C-alpha atoms as a PDB file:
ATOM      1  CA  MET A   1      10.695  -1.341  -4.518  1.00  0.00           C
ATOM      2  CA  LEU A   2      10.704  -2.587  -0.952  1.00  0.00           C
ATOM      3  CA  GLY A   3      10.681   0.120   1.647  1.00  0.00           C
ATOM      4  CA  VAL A   4       8.958   3.069   3.115  1.00  0.00           C
ATOM      5  CA  THR A   5       8.449   6.552   1.862  1.00  0.00           C
ATOM      6  CA  HIS A   6       8.654   9.489   4.177  1.00  0.00           C
ATOM      7  CA  ASP A   7       6.016  12.207   4.325  1.00  0.00           C
ATOM      8  CA  PRO A   8       8.043  15.413   4.847  1.00  0.00           C
ATOM      9  CA  SER A   9       4.940  17.415   5.717  1.00  0.00           C
ATOM     10  CA  ARG A  10       4.690  15.466   8.951  1.00  0.00           C
ATOM     11  CA  THR A  11       8.254  15.846  10.228  1.00  0.00           C
ATOM     12  CA  ALA A  12      10.780  18.510  10.983  1.00  0.00           C
ATOM     13  CA  LEU A  13      14.558  18.393  11.121  1.00  0.00           C
ATOM     14  CA  GLN A  14      16.039  19.159  14.513  1.00  0.00           C
ATOM     15  CA  SER A  15      19.356  20.922  15.025  1.00  0.00           C
ATOM     16  CA  ASP A  16      21.112  17.637  15.839  1.00  0.00           C
ATOM     17  CA  GLY A  17      20.064  16.200  12.455  1.00  0.00           C
ATOM     18  CA  SER A  18      17.349  13.909  13.797  1.00  0.00           C
ATOM     19  CA  CYS A  19      13.699  14.125  12.815  1.00  0.00           C
ATOM     20  CA  TYR A  20      10.590  14.324  14.942  1.00  0.00           C
ATOM     21  CA  ALA A  21       6.988  13.800  13.957  1.00  0.00           C
ATOM     22  CA  GLY A  22       5.003  16.947  13.348  1.00  0.00           C
ATOM     23  CA  ARG A  23       1.808  15.139  14.412  1.00  0.00           C
ATOM     24  CA  SER A  24       1.282  12.847  17.327  1.00  0.00           C
ATOM     25  CA  THR A  25       1.719   9.629  15.367  1.00  0.00           C
ATOM     26  CA  ILE A  26       3.863   6.694  16.323  1.00  0.00           C
ATOM     27  CA  ASN A  27       4.972   6.110  12.750  1.00  0.00           C
ATOM     28  CA  SER A  28       4.899   8.933  10.221  1.00  0.00           C
ATOM     29  CA  PHE A  29       6.086   6.824   7.299  1.00  0.00           C
ATOM     30  CA  VAL A  30       3.933   5.597   4.448  1.00  0.00           C
ATOM     31  CA  LEU A  31       4.689   1.962   3.692  1.00  0.00           C
ATOM     32  CA  GLU A  32       4.919   1.250  -0.047  1.00  0.00           C
ATOM     33  CA  LEU A  33       5.778  -2.220  -1.347  1.00  0.00           C
ATOM     34  CA  ASP A  34       6.007  -3.501  -4.920  1.00  0.00           C
ATOM     35  CA  LEU A  35       4.260  -6.801  -5.624  1.00  0.00           C
ATOM     36  CA  LYS A  36       5.402  -9.626  -7.895  1.00  0.00           C
ATOM     37  CA  VAL A  37       1.827 -10.680  -8.689  1.00  0.00           C
ATOM     38  CA  THR A  38      -0.783  -9.052 -10.885  1.00  0.00           C
ATOM     39  CA  ALA A  39      -3.366  -6.678  -9.448  1.00  0.00           C
ATOM     40  CA  ASP A  40      -6.075  -9.290 -10.111  1.00  0.00           C
ATOM     41  CA  GLN A  41      -4.118 -11.876  -8.140  1.00  0.00           C
ATOM     42  CA  ALA A  42      -3.555  -9.433  -5.273  1.00  0.00           C
ATOM     43  CA  LEU A  43      -7.273  -8.568  -5.237  1.00  0.00           C
ATOM     44  CA  ALA A  44      -8.139 -12.284  -5.135  1.00  0.00           C
ATOM     45  CA  LYS A  45      -5.791 -12.829  -2.167  1.00  0.00           C
ATOM     46  CA  CYS A  46      -7.372  -9.856  -0.382  1.00  0.00           C
ATOM     47  CA  ARG A  47     -10.876 -11.196  -0.997  1.00  0.00           C
ATOM     48  CA  GLU A  48      -9.781 -14.606   0.365  1.00  0.00           C
ATOM     49  CA  ARG A  49      -8.851 -12.794   3.572  1.00  0.00           C
ATOM     50  CA  GLY A  50     -12.237 -11.090   3.821  1.00  0.00           C
ATOM     51  CA  LEU A  51     -11.369  -7.675   2.409  1.00  0.00           C
ATOM     52  CA  VAL A  52     -13.809  -5.753   0.243  1.00  0.00           C
ATOM     53  CA  VAL A  53     -13.183  -3.005  -2.299  1.00  0.00           C
ATOM     54  CA  ARG A  54     -14.303   0.265  -0.737  1.00  0.00           C
ATOM     55  CA  SER A  55     -13.441   2.379  -3.795  1.00  0.00           C
ATOM     56  CA  GLU A  56     -11.946   1.906  -7.242  1.00  0.00           C
ATOM     57  CA  ARG A  57     -10.650   4.682  -9.478  1.00  0.00           C
ATOM     58  CA  ALA A  58      -7.635   5.852 -11.475  1.00  0.00           C
ATOM     59  CA  LEU A  59      -4.730   7.701  -9.910  1.00  0.00           C
ATOM     60  CA  ALA A  60      -5.145  11.365 -10.802  1.00  0.00           C
ATOM     61  CA  ALA A  61      -1.667  11.934 -12.220  1.00  0.00           C
ATOM     62  CA  ARG A  62      -1.321   8.542 -13.933  1.00  0.00           C
ATOM     63  CA  ALA A  63      -3.521   7.986 -16.976  1.00  0.00           C
ATOM     64  CA  GLY A  64      -4.465   4.349 -17.436  1.00  0.00           C
ATOM     65  CA  SER A  65      -3.830   3.440 -13.800  1.00  0.00           C
ATOM     66  CA  HIS A  66      -6.087   1.517 -11.429  1.00  0.00           C
ATOM     67  CA  HIS A  67      -6.281   2.219  -7.688  1.00  0.00           C
ATOM     68  CA  TRP A  68      -8.301   0.394  -5.042  1.00  0.00           C
ATOM     69  CA  HIS A  69      -8.988   1.049  -1.358  1.00  0.00           C
ATOM     70  CA  LEU A  70      -9.570  -2.247   0.448  1.00  0.00           C
ATOM     71  CA  ARG A  71     -11.049  -2.669   3.919  1.00  0.00           C
ATOM     72  CA  VAL A  72     -12.068  -5.347   6.361  1.00  0.00           C
ATOM     73  CA  PRO A  73     -15.787  -4.817   7.032  1.00  0.00           C
ATOM     74  CA  GLY A  74     -16.413  -3.584  10.560  1.00  0.00           C
ATOM     75  CA  ARG A  75     -12.749  -2.816  11.269  1.00  0.00           C
ATOM     76  CA  ALA A  76     -10.600   0.258  10.973  1.00  0.00           C
ATOM     77  CA  GLY A  77      -7.827   0.353   8.389  1.00  0.00           C
ATOM     78  CA  THR A  78      -7.284   0.671   4.647  1.00  0.00           C
ATOM     79  CA  LEU A  79      -4.922  -1.065   2.271  1.00  0.00           C
ATOM     80  CA  GLU A  80      -4.308   0.740  -1.017  1.00  0.00           C
ATOM     81  CA  LEU A  81      -3.536  -1.315  -4.113  1.00  0.00           C
ATOM     82  CA  SER A  82      -2.366   0.358  -7.322  1.00  0.00           C
ATOM     83  CA  GLU A  83      -1.464  -0.764 -10.822  1.00  0.00           C
ATOM     84  CA  TRP A  84       0.175   1.342 -13.545  1.00  0.00           C
ATOM     85  CA  GLN A  85       2.484   0.526 -16.475  1.00  0.00           C
ATOM     86  CA  ASN A  86       3.113  -3.104 -15.423  1.00  0.00           C
ATOM     87  CA  ARG A  87       3.854  -2.082 -11.825  1.00  0.00           C
ATOM     88  CA  VAL A  88       1.661  -3.277  -8.957  1.00  0.00           C
ATOM     89  CA  TRP A  89       2.140  -1.953  -5.425  1.00  0.00           C
ATOM     90  CA  VAL A  90       0.448  -1.571  -2.061  1.00  0.00           C
ATOM     91  CA  LYS A  91       0.499   1.357   0.339  1.00  0.00           C
ATOM     92  CA  VAL A  92      -0.426   1.712   3.982  1.00  0.00           C
ATOM     93  CA  HIS A  93      -0.670   5.184   5.481  1.00  0.00           C
ATOM     94  CA  PRO A  94       0.391   5.395   9.137  1.00  0.00           C
ATOM     95  CA  MET A  95      -3.005   6.427  10.494  1.00  0.00           C
ATOM     96  CA  ARG A  96      -4.850   3.825   8.398  1.00  0.00           C
ATOM     97  CA  ASP A  97      -3.203   0.565   9.458  1.00  0.00           C
ATOM     98  CA  GLY A  98      -6.062  -0.623  11.673  1.00  0.00           C
ATOM     99  CA  GLY A  99      -3.816  -3.276  13.203  1.00  0.00           C
ATOM    100  CA  TRP A 100      -3.822  -5.456  10.061  1.00  0.00           C
ATOM    101  CA  ALA A 101      -2.947  -3.538   6.863  1.00  0.00           C
ATOM    102  CA  THR A 102       0.839  -3.421   7.286  1.00  0.00           C
ATOM    103  CA  ALA A 103       1.037  -7.152   7.969  1.00  0.00           C
ATOM    104  CA  LEU A 104      -1.114  -7.913   4.934  1.00  0.00           C
ATOM    105  CA  ALA A 105       0.986  -5.600   2.742  1.00  0.00           C
ATOM    106  CA  TYR A 106       4.112  -7.586   3.680  1.00  0.00           C
ATOM    107  CA  GLU A 107       2.243 -10.855   3.044  1.00  0.00           C
ATOM    108  CA  LEU A 108       1.266  -9.703  -0.446  1.00  0.00           C
ATOM    109  CA  ALA A 109       4.824  -8.528  -1.177  1.00  0.00           C
ATOM    110  CA  ALA A 110       6.140 -11.970  -0.206  1.00  0.00           C
ATOM    111  CA  LEU A 111       3.910 -13.802  -2.714  1.00  0.00           C
ATOM    112  CA  PRO A 112       6.011 -15.440  -5.428  1.00  0.00           C
ATOM    113  CA  GLU A 113       5.944 -14.078  -8.954  1.00  0.00           C
ATOM    114  CA  SER A 114       3.363 -15.872 -11.039  1.00  0.00           C
ATOM    115  CA  GLU A 115       3.659 -17.003 -14.642  1.00  0.00           C
ATOM    116  CA  SER A 116       0.969 -14.509 -15.694  1.00  0.00           C
ATOM    117  CA  SER A 117       2.734 -11.568 -14.055  1.00  0.00           C
ATOM    118  CA  ARG A 118       5.984 -12.506 -15.838  1.00  0.00           C
ATOM    119  CA  ARG A 119       4.160 -12.531 -19.190  1.00  0.00           C
ATOM    120  CA  SER A 120       2.654  -9.066 -18.606  1.00  0.00           C
ATOM    121  CA  ARG A 121       6.079  -7.438 -18.167  1.00  0.00           C
END
Protein backbone atom coordinates (compact mmCIF):
# COMPACT_ATOMS: atom_id res chain seq x y z
CA MET A 1 0.00 0.00 0.00
CA LEU A 2 1.42 3.35 -1.02
CA GLY A 3 -0.41 6.31 0.38
CA VAL A 4 -1.57 8.18 3.37
CA THR A 5 -4.20 7.44 5.92
CA HIS A 6 -6.39 10.16 7.28
CA ASP A 7 -6.98 10.68 10.99
CA PRO A 8 -10.67 11.68 11.19
CA SER A 9 -10.34 12.81 14.79
CA ARG A 10 -8.24 15.72 13.60
CA THR A 11 -10.49 17.07 10.84
CA ALA A 12 -14.01 18.22 10.30
CA LEU A 13 -16.13 18.37 7.16
CA GLN A 14 -17.20 21.85 6.15
CA SER A 15 -20.50 22.64 4.46
CA ASP A 16 -18.81 22.98 1.05
CA GLY A 17 -17.46 19.41 1.33
CA SER A 18 -13.87 20.39 2.08
CA CYS A 19 -12.01 19.42 5.23
CA TYR A 20 -10.08 21.53 7.69
CA ALA A 21 -7.65 20.45 10.37
CA GLY A 22 -9.07 20.29 13.86
CA ARG A 23 -5.61 21.05 15.30
CA SER A 24 -3.12 23.60 14.16
CA THR A 25 -1.04 21.20 12.08
CA ILE A 26 0.15 21.73 8.56
CA ASN A 27 -0.47 18.12 7.60
CA SER A 28 -2.99 16.03 9.51
CA PHE A 29 -2.36 12.84 7.55
CA VAL A 30 -0.46 9.83 8.80
CA LEU A 31 1.90 8.56 6.13
CA GLU A 32 1.88 4.76 5.82
CA LEU A 33 3.99 2.97 3.21
CA ASP A 34 4.44 -0.75 2.56
CA LEU A 35 8.02 -1.94 2.10
CA LYS A 36 9.32 -4.59 -0.30
CA VAL A 37 12.18 -5.55 2.04
CA THR A 38 12.15 -7.51 5.27
CA ALA A 39 11.95 -5.76 8.63
CA ASP A 40 15.55 -6.82 9.35
CA GLN A 41 16.70 -5.23 6.10
CA ALA A 42 14.77 -2.03 6.84
CA LEU A 43 16.27 -1.90 10.35
CA ALA A 44 19.76 -2.35 8.87
CA LYS A 45 19.18 0.53 6.42
CA CYS A 46 17.95 2.71 9.29
CA ARG A 47 21.01 1.88 11.39
CA GLU A 48 23.26 2.74 8.41
CA ARG A 49 21.65 6.19 8.46
CA GLY A 50 22.32 6.65 12.17
CA LEU A 51 18.91 5.76 13.57
CA VAL A 52 18.55 3.88 16.84
CA VAL A 53 15.67 1.77 18.14
CA ARG A 54 13.91 3.78 20.83
CA SER A 55 11.34 1.07 21.61
CA GLU A 56 10.42 -2.40 20.40
CA ARG A 57 7.17 -4.20 21.15
CA ALA A 58 4.21 -5.98 19.56
CA LEU A 59 1.21 -4.14 18.17
CA ALA A 60 -1.58 -4.49 20.72
CA ALA A 61 -4.25 -5.79 18.35
CA ARG A 62 -1.96 -7.97 16.23
CA ALA A 63 -0.59 -11.08 17.92
CA GLY A 64 2.82 -12.07 16.60
CA SER A 65 3.61 -8.60 15.26
CA HIS A 66 6.77 -6.55 15.77
CA HIS A 67 6.78 -2.75 16.04
CA TRP A 68 9.75 -0.41 16.40
CA HIS A 69 10.08 3.32 17.04
CA LEU A 70 13.27 4.62 15.45
CA ARG A 71 14.91 7.98 16.12
CA VAL A 72 17.94 10.00 15.18
CA PRO A 73 19.79 10.71 18.44
CA GLY A 74 19.61 14.38 19.39
CA ARG A 75 16.92 15.22 16.82
CA ALA A 76 13.16 15.39 16.91
CA GLY A 77 11.14 12.87 14.93
CA THR A 78 10.11 9.22 14.97
CA LEU A 79 9.81 6.64 12.24
CA GLU A 80 7.61 3.65 13.06
CA LEU A 81 8.42 0.29 11.48
CA SER A 82 6.00 -2.63 11.77
CA GLU A 83 5.94 -6.25 10.66
CA TRP A 84 2.96 -8.62 10.78
CA GLN A 85 1.89 -11.62 8.67
CA ASN A 86 4.55 -11.10 5.96
CA ARG A 87 3.73 -7.39 5.67
CA VAL A 88 6.33 -4.74 6.52
CA TRP A 89 5.42 -1.05 6.63
CA VAL A 90 6.52 2.32 7.95
CA LYS A 91 4.45 5.12 9.43
CA VAL A 92 5.15 8.77 10.09
CA HIS A 93 2.71 10.75 12.20
CA PRO A 94 2.36 14.41 11.17
CA MET A 95 3.70 15.87 14.41
CA ARG A 96 6.61 13.41 14.55
CA ASP A 97 8.37 14.00 11.23
CA GLY A 98 11.28 15.99 12.67
CA GLY A 99 12.26 17.14 9.18
CA TRP A 100 13.62 13.71 8.17
CA ALA A 101 11.18 10.83 8.83
CA THR A 102 8.91 11.30 5.81
CA ALA A 103 11.86 11.43 3.42
CA LEU A 104 13.36 8.30 4.95
CA ALA A 105 10.01 6.49 4.78
CA TYR A 106 9.87 7.15 1.02
CA GLU A 107 13.50 6.03 0.67
CA LEU A 108 12.73 2.74 2.41
CA ALA A 109 9.61 2.21 0.28
CA ALA A 110 11.70 2.69 -2.87
CA LEU A 111 14.17 -0.08 -1.94
CA PRO A 112 13.91 -2.99 -4.38
CA GLU A 113 12.43 -6.28 -3.25
CA SER A 114 15.13 -8.62 -2.05
CA GLU A 115 15.42 -12.35 -2.66
CA SER A 116 14.89 -13.05 1.05
CA SER A 117 11.70 -10.98 1.21
CA ARG A 118 10.31 -12.86 -1.82
CA ARG A 119 11.00 -16.19 -0.09
CA SER A 120 9.19 -15.12 3.10
CA ARG A 121 5.93 -14.43 1.25
